[in-house]
Amino acid sequence: MGIKRGTSLAAIAIVVTMTATACGGDDKAADTTKPAAAAAQAPAADPYGADPAAAGAAGAKGAGQLAIAANDQLGPVLTDSAGFTLYRFDKDTAKPPKSNCDGDCAKAWPAVAAGDATAAAGMDAALLGEVVRTDGSKQLTVAGWPVYRFAKDTKAGDTNGQGVGGTWFAAAPDGKKAAKPAAAPAGAGQTTGALTVAKDPKLGEHIVDGNGMTVYRFKPDTAWPMVSKCEGDCVAKWPVVPPVDKANAKGIIEKNYLVLDRPDGKKQQTVNCWPVYTFTGDKKAGDTNGQGVGGTWYAVAPDGKLITAQ
């Protein structure tokens, strides 16, 4: 992207002592892969009670390209292609999938039609499915849970359905109830979140975090010894990726999947011994605004290498 960073990077090396582990490897650019085009229907929501017929009709609309929205109160929330929050109902079941919202319930909570949904970046596509409703229509499911919109959500980002009746909750990207994770005590080194692989038309396959945010590497860093040269103002702009359980890293190289103990007290995930970061300039899942910044920041391929070809 060629955006020049306004902050200078401290050159203080951050080193971790490791036991008999060989880190490193070259940094050849990863192949660029073009994903299939995503559906992009833009469903509308109707105010609950204002037009019951229209509210019921909204249930026939699909979700298109799903997205992951960061919500200050709820953490990562799953949305449709127009940014409307998707919900799950406690009175439904996931095993087997079954919807128990019909009639007036379905007017307030229009079912999301199955058929055109595409998994969000950073989301496991295998979680998407469908269930046949009592009227014979097919409804989208996430991890087995039928998903809905709320008629009182009138614009993208609304979460007016959260907690309604103690049974309706925004859906997280894994199909669970959206809930912001509790902050870990400083220096606790608690593993959180996930890493997975997403596809971008220009970058091809690249690593994203549990919120679908692009993961980057800093060229001045080294893998052996495992060193980060980004701290202070640099870390404020390029937050470190916190430790992630290896079981939550899907499609990513497992070799030398280690945690860096930084002198500032933070613990940082590495991929094949390379420290990894996100970028505050990325505002939503799928953004790649950090790519090529200062000629030193690049997205990371599933094997841990830099992606420099665009």
Protein backbone atom coordinates (compact mmCIF):
# COMPACT_ATOMS: atom_id res chain seq x y z
CA MET A 1 0.00 0.00 0.00
CA GLY A 2 2.98 2.25 0.42
CA ILE A 3 1.58 4.22 3.36
CA LYS A 4 4.43 5.75 5.31
CA ARG A 5 4.19 5.31 9.07
CA GLY A 6 4.46 8.42 11.20
CA THR A 7 5.92 6.69 14.20
CA SER A 8 9.50 5.57 14.59
CA LEU A 9 10.26 2.10 15.77
CA ALA A 10 12.46 1.53 18.78
CA ALA A 11 15.33 -0.75 17.94
CA ILE A 12 15.44 -2.46 21.29
CA ALA A 13 15.56 -6.22 20.70
CA ILE A 14 13.14 -8.43 22.55
CA VAL A 15 14.57 -11.90 22.99
CA VAL A 16 13.17 -15.12 24.38
CA THR A 17 15.17 -18.11 25.57
CA MET A 18 14.02 -21.32 23.89
CA THR A 19 14.88 -24.97 24.33
CA ALA A 20 16.35 -26.89 21.40
CA THR A 21 13.98 -25.46 18.79
CA ALA A 22 15.19 -24.57 15.31
CA CYS A 23 13.35 -21.50 14.02
CA GLY A 24 13.60 -19.69 10.75
CA GLY A 25 13.14 -20.37 7.07
CA ASP A 26 13.08 -18.15 4.02
CA ASP A 27 10.47 -15.54 3.22
CA LYS A 28 9.43 -16.31 -0.33
CA ALA A 29 6.09 -14.73 -1.15
CA ALA A 30 3.06 -16.96 -0.97
CA ASP A 31 1.10 -17.76 -4.13
CA THR A 32 -1.89 -15.48 -4.71
CA THR A 33 -5.17 -17.39 -4.85
CA LYS A 34 -8.40 -15.84 -6.01
CA PRO A 35 -11.48 -16.95 -4.03
CA ALA A 36 -14.89 -17.47 -5.55
CA ALA A 37 -17.03 -14.35 -5.76
CA ALA A 38 -19.20 -13.88 -2.69
CA ALA A 39 -22.95 -13.26 -2.77
CA ALA A 40 -23.81 -9.72 -1.79
CA GLN A 41 -27.52 -9.45 -1.14
CA ALA A 42 -28.42 -6.55 1.12
CA PRO A 43 -31.38 -7.56 3.32
CA ALA A 44 -33.50 -4.90 4.94
CA ALA A 45 -35.04 -4.95 8.38
CA ASP A 46 -38.52 -3.74 9.28
CA PRO A 47 -39.51 -2.21 12.61
CA TYR A 48 -41.28 -4.79 14.72
CA GLY A 49 -45.05 -4.30 14.60
CA ALA A 50 -44.97 -1.55 11.97
CA ASP A 51 -45.70 -3.90 9.08
CA PRO A 52 -46.22 -7.54 10.14
CA ALA A 53 -46.54 -8.71 6.54
CA ALA A 54 -43.20 -7.15 5.61
CA ALA A 55 -41.57 -8.48 8.75
CA GLY A 56 -42.64 -11.99 7.85
CA ALA A 57 -41.40 -11.57 4.30
CA ALA A 58 -37.95 -10.64 5.60
CA GLY A 59 -37.58 -14.25 6.64
CA ALA A 60 -37.20 -15.23 2.98
CA LYS A 61 -33.99 -13.25 2.61
CA GLY A 62 -30.57 -14.86 2.69
CA ALA A 63 -27.49 -13.55 4.45
CA GLY A 64 -25.09 -13.29 1.51
CA GLN A 65 -21.47 -12.67 2.52
CA LEU A 66 -21.34 -13.04 6.31
CA ALA A 67 -19.11 -10.68 8.28
CA ILE A 68 -17.75 -10.38 11.80
CA ALA A 69 -18.44 -7.09 13.55
CA ALA A 70 -16.52 -5.98 16.62
CA ASN A 71 -18.97 -4.86 19.31
CA ASP A 72 -17.71 -3.03 22.41
CA GLN A 73 -20.16 -4.80 24.71
CA LEU A 74 -20.50 -8.21 23.04
CA GLY A 75 -17.18 -8.86 21.34
CA PRO A 76 -17.24 -10.48 17.84
CA VAL A 77 -20.78 -10.61 16.43
CA LEU A 78 -21.90 -12.36 13.24
CA THR A 79 -23.71 -10.17 10.70
CA ASP A 80 -25.23 -10.53 7.25
CA SER A 81 -23.90 -8.82 4.12
CA ALA A 82 -25.68 -5.57 5.01
CA GLY A 83 -24.26 -5.48 8.53
CA PHE A 84 -27.43 -6.59 10.35
CA THR A 85 -26.85 -8.63 13.49
CA LEU A 86 -27.75 -12.33 13.43
CA TYR A 87 -29.33 -13.92 16.51
CA ARG A 88 -29.98 -17.34 18.04
CA PHE A 89 -32.88 -18.50 20.22
CA ASP A 90 -32.41 -20.48 23.44
CA LYS A 91 -35.62 -22.45 22.80
CA ASP A 92 -34.20 -23.82 19.55
CA THR A 93 -31.89 -26.83 19.47
CA ALA A 94 -28.61 -27.38 17.63
CA LYS A 95 -28.34 -31.17 17.95
CA PRO A 96 -30.45 -31.85 15.99
CA PRO A 97 -31.01 -28.41 14.46
CA LYS A 98 -34.60 -27.26 15.03
CA SER A 99 -36.35 -23.90 14.98
CA ASN A 100 -39.11 -23.26 17.52
CA CYS A 101 -39.92 -19.74 16.33
CA ASP A 102 -43.04 -19.60 14.14
CA GLY A 103 -46.11 -17.41 13.73
CA ASP A 104 -45.89 -14.09 15.59
CA CYS A 105 -42.42 -15.06 16.77
CA ALA A 106 -41.22 -15.28 13.16
CA LYS A 107 -42.65 -11.81 12.45
CA ALA A 108 -40.50 -10.30 15.19
CA TRP A 109 -37.57 -12.59 14.44
CA PRO A 110 -37.43 -13.25 10.67
CA ALA A 111 -35.55 -16.45 9.88
CA VAL A 112 -32.45 -16.10 7.70
CA ALA A 113 -32.96 -18.15 4.57
CA ALA A 114 -30.36 -20.79 3.71
CA GLY A 115 -28.71 -21.13 0.33
CA ASP A 116 -26.58 -18.09 -0.42
CA ALA A 117 -24.53 -17.62 2.74
CA THR A 118 -20.75 -17.37 2.45
CA ALA A 119 -18.56 -17.76 5.53
CA ALA A 120 -16.98 -14.62 6.98
CA ALA A 121 -13.22 -14.16 6.89
CA GLY A 122 -11.83 -15.91 9.95
CA MET A 123 -14.86 -18.15 10.31
CA ASP A 124 -14.97 -21.92 9.85
CA ALA A 125 -17.12 -22.47 6.74
CA ALA A 126 -17.97 -25.98 7.95
CA LEU A 127 -20.14 -24.40 10.66
CA LEU A 128 -22.69 -23.25 8.09
CA GLY A 129 -25.71 -25.49 7.50
CA GLU A 130 -29.46 -25.45 7.13
CA VAL A 131 -32.63 -26.70 8.79
CA VAL A 132 -36.09 -27.26 7.33
CA ARG A 133 -38.72 -25.17 9.11
CA THR A 134 -42.33 -26.23 9.77
CA ASP A 135 -43.47 -24.32 6.65
CA GLY A 136 -41.00 -26.26 4.50
CA SER A 137 -38.57 -23.37 3.98
CA LYS A 138 -34.88 -23.77 4.68
CA GLN A 139 -33.18 -21.67 7.37
CA LEU A 140 -29.47 -20.94 7.78
CA THR A 141 -27.77 -22.53 10.79
CA VAL A 142 -24.41 -21.77 12.41
CA ALA A 143 -22.94 -24.68 14.38
CA GLY A 144 -26.42 -26.20 14.22
CA TRP A 145 -28.22 -23.14 15.66
CA PRO A 146 -30.89 -21.55 13.43
CA VAL A 147 -30.16 -17.83 12.96
CA TYR A 148 -32.52 -14.87 12.70
CA ARG A 149 -32.64 -11.12 12.28
CA PHE A 150 -34.59 -8.88 14.68
CA ALA A 151 -37.34 -6.66 13.22
CA LYS A 152 -36.46 -3.81 15.60
CA ASP A 153 -32.90 -3.62 14.26
CA THR A 154 -33.38 -0.86 11.68
CA LYS A 155 -29.78 -0.22 10.67
CA ALA A 156 -26.48 -2.03 10.38
CA GLY A 157 -24.79 -2.55 13.74
CA ASP A 158 -27.99 -2.48 15.83
CA THR A 159 -28.15 -5.12 18.58
CA ASN A 160 -31.61 -4.34 19.96
CA GLY A 161 -32.41 -8.05 20.13
CA GLN A 162 -29.63 -8.86 22.58
CA GLY A 163 -31.09 -10.46 25.71
CA VAL A 164 -34.75 -10.04 24.73
CA GLY A 165 -36.90 -12.27 26.95
CA GLY A 166 -33.72 -13.78 28.35
CA THR A 167 -33.73 -16.14 25.35
CA TRP A 168 -32.46 -14.17 22.34
CA PHE A 169 -28.77 -13.46 21.89
CA ALA A 170 -26.47 -12.18 19.16
CA ALA A 171 -24.57 -15.02 17.51
CA ALA A 172 -20.79 -15.24 17.69
CA PRO A 173 -18.83 -16.49 14.63
CA ASP A 174 -18.63 -19.98 16.19
CA GLY A 175 -22.41 -20.17 16.70
CA LYS A 176 -22.21 -19.59 20.44
CA LYS A 177 -23.80 -16.62 22.21
CA ALA A 178 -21.74 -13.50 21.62
CA ALA A 179 -19.86 -12.54 24.77
CA LYS A 180 -16.83 -10.36 25.20
CA PRO A 181 -14.05 -12.45 26.79
CA ALA A 182 -12.91 -11.39 30.23
CA ALA A 183 -9.58 -9.60 30.25
CA ALA A 184 -6.71 -11.77 31.42
CA PRO A 185 -4.63 -10.55 34.37
CA ALA A 186 -1.48 -8.73 33.27
CA GLY A 187 1.28 -11.19 32.52
CA ALA A 188 -0.99 -14.18 33.00
CA GLY A 189 -0.25 -15.46 29.51
CA GLN A 190 -3.75 -16.82 29.09
CA THR A 191 -4.41 -18.21 25.63
CA THR A 192 -7.33 -16.55 23.87
CA GLY A 193 -9.00 -16.32 20.49
CA ALA A 194 -8.11 -18.21 17.36
CA LEU A 195 -6.11 -17.98 14.18
CA THR A 196 -7.34 -19.25 10.84
CA VAL A 197 -6.85 -18.77 7.10
CA ALA A 198 -8.83 -16.39 4.91
CA LYS A 199 -8.62 -15.60 1.20
CA ASP A 200 -8.19 -12.17 -0.34
CA PRO A 201 -8.45 -11.38 -4.08
CA LYS A 202 -4.99 -9.76 -4.05
CA LEU A 203 -3.16 -11.55 -1.23
CA GLY A 204 -4.57 -15.03 -1.62
CA GLU A 205 -4.52 -17.19 1.52
CA HIS A 206 -3.42 -15.29 4.61
CA ILE A 207 -3.74 -15.58 8.39
CA VAL A 208 -6.49 -13.75 10.29
CA ASP A 209 -7.35 -13.68 13.98
CA GLY A 210 -10.58 -14.80 15.63
CA ASN A 211 -12.26 -11.53 14.65
CA GLY A 212 -11.29 -11.93 11.01
CA MET A 213 -8.65 -9.18 11.28
CA THR A 214 -5.55 -9.56 9.10
CA VAL A 215 -2.36 -10.71 10.86
CA TYR A 216 0.97 -9.10 9.93
CA ARG A 217 4.73 -9.55 10.35
CA PHE A 218 7.41 -6.87 10.75
CA LYS A 219 10.47 -7.35 8.52
CA PRO A 220 13.05 -6.16 11.10
CA ASP A 221 11.95 -8.93 13.50
CA THR A 222 13.86 -12.21 13.58
CA ALA A 223 12.80 -15.81 14.16
CA TRP A 224 16.07 -17.10 15.60
CA PRO A 225 16.67 -15.76 18.06
CA MET A 226 12.96 -14.99 18.40
CA VAL A 227 13.01 -11.17 18.54
CA SER A 228 10.43 -8.37 18.17
CA LYS A 229 11.71 -4.90 17.33
CA CYS A 230 8.30 -3.29 17.67
CA GLU A 231 7.52 -1.69 21.02
CA GLY A 232 6.25 1.53 22.53
CA ASP A 233 4.47 3.67 19.92
CA CYS A 234 4.95 0.86 17.41
CA VAL A 235 2.96 -1.62 19.53
CA ALA A 236 0.23 0.98 20.04
CA LYS A 237 -0.24 1.01 16.27
CA TRP A 238 0.53 -2.65 15.65
CA PRO A 239 -0.95 -4.61 18.65
CA VAL A 240 0.65 -7.96 19.33
CA VAL A 241 -1.43 -11.08 18.73
CA PRO A 242 -1.97 -12.67 22.17
CA PRO A 243 -1.28 -16.38 22.76
CA VAL A 244 -3.61 -18.74 20.92
CA ASP A 245 -4.16 -22.41 21.69
CA LYS A 246 -2.72 -24.51 18.87
CA ALA A 247 -6.07 -26.31 18.63
CA ASN A 248 -7.62 -22.98 17.59
CA ALA A 249 -5.15 -22.41 14.76
CA LYS A 250 -6.75 -23.96 11.69
CA GLY A 251 -4.88 -24.42 8.43
CA ILE A 252 -1.70 -22.84 9.81
CA ILE A 253 1.76 -24.38 10.12
CA GLU A 254 2.19 -26.03 13.53
CA LYS A 255 6.00 -26.06 13.45
CA ASN A 256 7.54 -23.79 16.12
CA TYR A 257 4.17 -22.43 17.18
CA LEU A 258 5.57 -20.64 20.23
CA VAL A 259 4.83 -17.74 22.58
CA LEU A 260 7.24 -14.81 22.96
CA ASP A 261 7.68 -13.36 26.48
CA ARG A 262 8.17 -9.64 25.91
CA PRO A 263 9.99 -7.34 28.40
CA ASP A 264 6.88 -5.10 28.47
CA GLY A 265 4.97 -7.95 30.15
CA LYS A 266 2.96 -8.90 27.09
CA LYS A 267 2.94 -12.40 25.68
CA GLN A 268 2.94 -12.58 21.90
CA GLN A 269 1.98 -15.41 19.56
CA THR A 270 4.48 -16.42 16.92
CA VAL A 271 3.99 -18.43 13.74
CA ASN A 272 7.02 -20.52 12.84
CA CYS A 273 8.85 -18.37 15.42
CA TRP A 274 7.94 -15.07 13.75
CA PRO A 275 6.13 -12.57 16.04
CA VAL A 276 2.73 -11.58 14.64
CA TYR A 277 0.58 -8.47 14.99
CA THR A 278 -2.67 -6.83 13.90
CA PHE A 279 -3.04 -3.24 12.62
CA THR A 280 -5.16 -0.46 14.15
CA GLY A 281 -5.66 0.92 10.65
CA ASP A 282 -7.81 -2.13 9.83
CA LYS A 283 -11.34 -1.23 10.93
CA LYS A 284 -13.26 -4.34 9.96
CA ALA A 285 -12.73 -8.01 9.20
CA GLY A 286 -11.08 -8.50 5.82
CA ASP A 287 -9.29 -5.13 5.77
CA THR A 288 -5.65 -5.29 4.62
CA ASN A 289 -4.66 -1.64 5.10
CA GLY A 290 -1.40 -2.66 6.79
CA GLN A 291 -0.09 -4.49 3.75
CA GLY A 292 3.21 -2.96 2.62
CA VAL A 293 3.18 -0.09 5.12
CA GLY A 294 6.65 1.49 5.23
CA GLY A 295 7.93 -1.39 3.13
CA THR A 296 8.24 -3.36 6.38
CA TRP A 297 4.77 -4.68 7.28
CA TYR A 298 3.21 -7.57 5.37
CA ALA A 299 0.40 -10.09 5.72
CA VAL A 300 1.38 -13.61 6.73
CA ALA A 301 0.90 -16.78 4.69
CA PRO A 302 -0.31 -20.01 6.41
CA ASP A 303 3.30 -21.25 6.45
CA GLY A 304 4.43 -18.13 8.34
CA LYS A 305 6.13 -16.47 5.37
CA LEU A 306 5.63 -12.85 4.29
CA ILE A 307 3.20 -12.16 1.45
CA THR A 308 4.91 -9.45 -0.58
CA ALA A 309 3.41 -10.11 -4.04
CA GLN A 310 0.26 -8.10 -4.83
